[in-house]
Amino acid sequence: MRLLRLAFFSFLFLFILVTGISLFIPSHVRISRATNVGAPPSAIMPVLQDPARWKEWYPGLDSAALYYENGVVKGVNMSPDGKVSLVLQENKGTEVITEFRSSMRPVINGWNVISHPGSDSTTVQWYMDFHLRWYPWEKFTSILFDRWYGPKMEKGLENIRHLTDSSRLSQ
């Protein structure tokens, strides 16, 4: 009985300690990557705005099926059963916002296209916003998000650059 009580209180103390430490980790995490593209915003935005063209540059979507809402293409299904999808939410001129839907909490993906007057390049920024609950496992997992998603974001931006680069297209 004593050993059982010791184990219970040890587990309870450890849980409270880990939960307390996790409360210092922010509930909103944003990871972001950016690259300069040698093309005007008018060449970049159609690639970002059209879900049917996401397969051309978004890593892992080359065989994804299109996602339809009311007969209109609104995104892509990232899993064969359609339970994981990337859906277009807003198109704000130079910003495109999508929502990654799965069994977990939705993740916001956004692309900003920033033009530089007097320059021959445009900056494309890709960000992902995660809103976490207080659960310690979610908070501690968020520490690894940059390592998991960062390389995919860099690859996607590189694909956009190659797809829209005006010096490559003029050849």
Protein backbone atom coordinates (compact mmCIF):
# COMPACT_ATOMS: atom_id res chain seq x y z
CA MET A 1 0.00 0.00 0.00
CA ARG A 2 2.84 2.35 0.85
CA LEU A 3 4.58 1.66 -2.43
CA LEU A 4 1.38 2.22 -4.35
CA ARG A 5 0.78 5.55 -2.61
CA LEU A 6 4.39 6.62 -3.28
CA ALA A 7 3.99 5.75 -6.98
CA PHE A 8 0.71 7.68 -7.20
CA PHE A 9 2.07 10.84 -5.56
CA SER A 10 5.30 10.63 -7.58
CA PHE A 11 3.32 10.41 -10.80
CA LEU A 12 1.05 13.28 -9.72
CA PHE A 13 4.03 15.47 -8.81
CA LEU A 14 5.78 14.68 -12.11
CA PHE A 15 2.60 15.47 -14.08
CA ILE A 16 2.16 18.80 -12.29
CA LEU A 17 5.83 19.66 -12.84
CA VAL A 18 5.75 18.85 -16.57
CA THR A 19 2.44 20.71 -17.01
CA GLY A 20 3.85 23.73 -15.16
CA ILE A 21 6.94 23.82 -17.37
CA SER A 22 4.81 23.45 -20.52
CA LEU A 23 2.79 26.54 -19.54
CA PHE A 24 5.89 28.62 -20.35
CA ILE A 25 5.76 27.43 -23.98
CA PRO A 26 3.53 29.74 -26.09
CA SER A 27 0.12 28.54 -27.26
CA HIS A 28 0.53 30.25 -30.64
CA VAL A 29 3.47 29.10 -32.73
CA ARG A 30 4.34 30.52 -36.16
CA ILE A 31 7.02 29.13 -38.40
CA SER A 32 7.97 31.08 -41.47
CA ARG A 33 10.24 30.88 -44.48
CA ALA A 34 10.84 33.38 -47.28
CA THR A 35 12.69 33.56 -50.57
CA ASN A 36 13.24 36.12 -53.30
CA VAL A 37 11.84 35.32 -56.72
CA GLY A 38 12.93 36.98 -59.95
CA ALA A 39 9.35 37.51 -61.12
CA PRO A 40 6.64 40.12 -60.58
CA PRO A 41 3.73 39.42 -58.19
CA SER A 42 1.44 39.02 -61.22
CA ALA A 43 3.39 35.88 -62.20
CA ILE A 44 3.51 34.44 -58.67
CA MET A 45 -0.07 34.99 -57.44
CA PRO A 46 -1.81 32.68 -59.97
CA VAL A 47 0.40 29.81 -58.79
CA LEU A 48 -0.60 30.45 -55.16
CA GLN A 49 -4.28 31.29 -55.72
CA ASP A 50 -5.26 28.30 -57.85
CA PRO A 51 -5.55 25.03 -55.86
CA ALA A 52 -5.28 23.06 -59.11
CA ARG A 53 -1.75 24.45 -59.56
CA TRP A 54 -0.58 23.62 -56.02
CA LYS A 55 0.52 20.20 -57.27
CA GLU A 56 3.19 21.95 -59.36
CA TRP A 57 5.10 23.30 -56.36
CA TYR A 58 3.70 22.12 -52.99
CA PRO A 59 5.84 19.19 -51.72
CA GLY A 60 3.88 15.94 -51.54
CA LEU A 61 0.83 17.08 -53.50
CA ASP A 62 1.85 15.75 -56.91
CA SER A 63 -0.69 12.89 -56.71
CA ALA A 64 -3.30 14.58 -54.50
CA ALA A 65 -6.93 14.77 -55.59
CA LEU A 66 -8.72 18.10 -55.82
CA TYR A 67 -11.14 19.12 -53.06
CA TYR A 68 -14.49 20.52 -54.20
CA GLU A 69 -17.02 22.65 -52.31
CA ASN A 70 -20.29 23.37 -54.13
CA GLY A 71 -18.75 22.22 -57.42
CA VAL A 72 -15.80 24.63 -57.16
CA VAL A 73 -12.18 23.60 -56.57
CA LYS A 74 -11.33 24.92 -53.09
CA GLY A 75 -8.25 22.87 -52.25
CA VAL A 76 -6.68 19.43 -52.34
CA ASN A 77 -7.22 16.18 -50.46
CA MET A 78 -3.89 15.13 -49.02
CA SER A 79 -5.07 11.63 -48.10
CA PRO A 80 -6.93 9.07 -50.23
CA ASP A 81 -9.88 8.96 -47.80
CA GLY A 82 -10.26 12.76 -47.87
CA LYS A 83 -9.81 13.19 -44.11
CA VAL A 84 -6.72 15.39 -44.56
CA SER A 85 -7.11 18.40 -46.82
CA LEU A 86 -5.66 21.81 -47.59
CA VAL A 87 -8.49 24.26 -48.28
CA LEU A 88 -8.34 27.81 -49.63
CA GLN A 89 -9.83 30.23 -47.07
CA GLU A 90 -9.03 33.75 -48.28
CA ASN A 91 -7.44 35.49 -51.20
CA LYS A 92 -6.43 39.01 -50.19
CA GLY A 93 -4.68 40.35 -53.27
CA THR A 94 -1.07 39.71 -52.26
CA GLU A 95 -1.85 37.17 -49.53
CA VAL A 96 -3.35 33.69 -49.82
CA ILE A 97 -4.60 31.93 -46.68
CA THR A 98 -5.41 28.23 -46.48
CA GLU A 99 -6.44 25.86 -43.74
CA PHE A 100 -4.87 22.44 -43.21
CA ARG A 101 -7.70 20.22 -41.95
CA SER A 102 -7.11 16.87 -40.32
CA SER A 103 -8.12 15.00 -37.17
CA MET A 104 -5.97 17.47 -35.22
CA ARG A 105 -6.64 21.17 -34.77
CA PRO A 106 -6.65 23.19 -38.03
CA VAL A 107 -3.35 24.78 -39.07
CA ILE A 108 -3.34 28.05 -41.01
CA ASN A 109 -0.97 28.27 -43.99
CA GLY A 110 -0.37 31.65 -45.55
CA TRP A 111 1.66 33.08 -48.39
CA ASN A 112 2.55 36.76 -48.61
CA VAL A 113 3.89 38.21 -51.84
CA ILE A 114 5.88 41.37 -51.15
CA SER A 115 7.03 43.50 -54.06
CA HIS A 116 10.02 45.80 -53.84
CA PRO A 117 9.72 48.95 -55.99
CA GLY A 118 12.80 49.50 -58.13
CA SER A 119 13.91 45.90 -57.69
CA ASP A 120 13.80 42.96 -60.06
CA SER A 121 12.71 40.51 -57.36
CA THR A 122 9.68 39.76 -55.22
CA THR A 123 9.72 38.18 -51.78
CA VAL A 124 7.44 35.21 -51.17
CA GLN A 125 6.86 34.38 -47.51
CA TRP A 126 5.24 31.14 -46.36
CA TYR A 127 4.04 30.88 -42.78
CA MET A 128 2.22 28.27 -40.72
CA ASP A 129 0.22 29.19 -37.60
CA PHE A 130 -0.41 26.59 -34.93
CA HIS A 131 -2.83 27.26 -32.06
CA LEU A 132 -2.16 24.82 -29.24
CA ARG A 133 -4.17 23.78 -26.22
CA TRP A 134 -2.66 23.67 -22.74
CA TYR A 135 -1.85 19.95 -23.04
CA PRO A 136 1.83 19.33 -22.23
CA TRP A 137 2.31 16.87 -25.12
CA GLU A 138 1.07 19.48 -27.62
CA LYS A 139 3.30 22.19 -26.17
CA PHE A 140 6.45 20.04 -26.11
CA THR A 141 5.75 18.68 -29.60
CA SER A 142 5.58 22.25 -30.91
CA ILE A 143 9.30 22.59 -30.24
CA LEU A 144 9.89 20.24 -33.19
CA PHE A 145 7.53 21.93 -35.68
CA ASP A 146 10.28 24.01 -37.26
CA ARG A 147 12.41 20.91 -37.84
CA TRP A 148 9.47 18.97 -39.33
CA TYR A 149 7.87 21.61 -41.51
CA GLY A 150 10.75 24.00 -42.24
CA PRO A 151 12.49 21.86 -44.90
CA LYS A 152 9.17 21.22 -46.70
CA MET A 153 8.43 24.93 -46.71
CA GLU A 154 11.90 25.69 -48.10
CA LYS A 155 11.41 23.07 -50.84
CA GLY A 156 8.01 24.53 -51.75
CA LEU A 157 9.41 28.06 -51.98
CA GLU A 158 12.27 26.78 -54.11
CA ASN A 159 9.71 25.11 -56.41
CA ILE A 160 7.77 28.40 -56.67
CA ARG A 161 10.98 30.23 -57.51
CA HIS A 162 11.86 27.76 -60.28
CA LEU A 163 8.30 27.75 -61.61
CA THR A 164 7.93 31.53 -61.85
CA ASP A 165 11.48 32.85 -62.27
CA SER A 166 11.32 35.29 -65.19
CA SER A 167 14.94 34.72 -66.26
CA ARG A 168 14.21 31.00 -66.66
CA LEU A 169 10.89 31.62 -68.43
CA SER A 170 12.42 34.02 -70.96
CA GLN A 171 14.88 31.41 -72.25
